[in-house]
């Protein structure tokens, strides 16, 4: 299967300390995630990174 970089994007979602810290051993995905993004960038694919921010809600 051939993937067209003009019609395909790579999304990385919440690959950050605050999120990965909830799952023991989750940092094991980092080398593979980095390879995917690096390969996509070299291939001309659009790469988008999304990071969520969590905060404590304080009632008024």
C-alpha atoms as a PDB file:
ATOM      1  CA  UNK A   1       0.000   0.000   0.000  1.00  0.00           C
ATOM      2  CA  UNK A   2       1.330   3.428  -0.924  1.00  0.00           C
ATOM      3  CA  UNK A   3       0.526   6.319   1.414  1.00  0.00           C
ATOM      4  CA  UNK A   4       0.251   9.778  -0.158  1.00  0.00           C
ATOM      5  CA  UNK A   5       1.937  12.419   2.064  1.00  0.00           C
ATOM      6  CA  UNK A   6      -0.315  15.089   0.515  1.00  0.00           C
ATOM      7  CA  UNK A   7      -3.381  13.323   1.942  1.00  0.00           C
ATOM      8  CA  UNK A   8      -1.989  11.838   5.156  1.00  0.00           C
ATOM      9  CA  UNK A   9      -0.958  13.305   8.490  1.00  0.00           C
ATOM     10  CA  UNK A  10       0.746  11.862  11.553  1.00  0.00           C
ATOM     11  CA  UNK A  11      -0.793  12.883  14.881  1.00  0.00           C
ATOM     12  CA  UNK A  12       0.960  12.420  18.181  1.00  0.00           C
ATOM     13  CA  UNK A  13      -1.422  12.865  21.080  1.00  0.00           C
ATOM     14  CA  UNK A  14      -0.456  13.526  24.686  1.00  0.00           C
ATOM     15  CA  UNK A  15       3.043  12.061  24.513  1.00  0.00           C
ATOM     16  CA  UNK A  16       4.141  14.047  27.534  1.00  0.00           C
ATOM     17  CA  UNK A  17       5.257  13.501  31.100  1.00  0.00           C
ATOM     18  CA  UNK A  18       1.949  14.437  32.727  1.00  0.00           C
ATOM     19  CA  UNK A  19      -0.029  11.926  30.672  1.00  0.00           C
ATOM     20  CA  UNK A  20       2.463   9.081  30.253  1.00  0.00           C
ATOM     21  CA  UNK A  21       3.083   9.205  33.999  1.00  0.00           C
ATOM     22  CA  UNK A  22      -0.377   7.713  34.574  1.00  0.00           C
ATOM     23  CA  UNK A  23       0.598   4.438  32.899  1.00  0.00           C
ATOM     24  CA  UNK A  24       3.535   2.457  34.300  1.00  0.00           C
ATOM     25  CA  UNK A  25       6.053   1.634  31.586  1.00  0.00           C
ATOM     26  CA  UNK A  26       4.428   3.984  29.047  1.00  0.00           C
ATOM     27  CA  UNK A  27       7.780   5.630  28.256  1.00  0.00           C
ATOM     28  CA  UNK A  28       8.646   2.455  26.329  1.00  0.00           C
ATOM     29  CA  UNK A  29       6.656   3.870  23.386  1.00  0.00           C
ATOM     30  CA  UNK A  30       8.928   6.919  23.031  1.00  0.00           C
ATOM     31  CA  UNK A  31      11.604   5.415  20.739  1.00  0.00           C
ATOM     32  CA  UNK A  32       9.005   4.071  18.296  1.00  0.00           C
ATOM     33  CA  UNK A  33       6.956   7.270  18.392  1.00  0.00           C
ATOM     34  CA  UNK A  34      10.090   9.299  17.634  1.00  0.00           C
ATOM     35  CA  UNK A  35      10.911   7.006  14.683  1.00  0.00           C
ATOM     36  CA  UNK A  36       7.409   7.415  13.237  1.00  0.00           C
ATOM     37  CA  UNK A  37       7.575  11.216  13.427  1.00  0.00           C
ATOM     38  CA  UNK A  38      11.132  11.365  12.061  1.00  0.00           C
ATOM     39  CA  UNK A  39      10.262   9.080   9.133  1.00  0.00           C
ATOM     40  CA  UNK A  40       7.079  11.027   8.397  1.00  0.00           C
ATOM     41  CA  UNK A  41       8.907  14.354   8.374  1.00  0.00           C
ATOM     42  CA  UNK A  42      11.585  13.013   6.045  1.00  0.00           C
ATOM     43  CA  UNK A  43       8.832  11.692   3.758  1.00  0.00           C
ATOM     44  CA  UNK A  44       7.108  15.053   3.523  1.00  0.00           C
ATOM     45  CA  UNK A  45       4.125  14.157   5.681  1.00  0.00           C
ATOM     46  CA  UNK A  46       2.361  16.741   7.808  1.00  0.00           C
ATOM     47  CA  UNK A  47       3.038  16.085  11.506  1.00  0.00           C
ATOM     48  CA  UNK A  48       0.858  17.481  14.255  1.00  0.00           C
ATOM     49  CA  UNK A  49       1.497  17.210  17.985  1.00  0.00           C
ATOM     50  CA  UNK A  50      -1.273  17.697  20.511  1.00  0.00           C
ATOM     51  CA  UNK A  51      -0.709  18.054  24.223  1.00  0.00           C
ATOM     52  CA  UNK A  52      -3.515  18.344  26.740  1.00  0.00           C
ATOM     53  CA  UNK A  53      -3.194  20.425  29.855  1.00  0.00           C
ATOM     54  CA  UNK A  54      -4.861  19.251  33.020  1.00  0.00           C
ATOM     55  CA  UNK A  55      -5.545  21.496  35.937  1.00  0.00           C
ATOM     56  CA  UNK A  56      -7.234  21.143  39.250  1.00  0.00           C
ATOM     57  CA  UNK A  57     -10.692  22.688  39.313  1.00  0.00           C
ATOM     58  CA  UNK A  58     -11.291  24.815  42.373  1.00  0.00           C
ATOM     59  CA  UNK A  59     -14.978  25.460  43.096  1.00  0.00           C
ATOM     60  CA  UNK A  60     -15.940  29.066  43.783  1.00  0.00           C
END
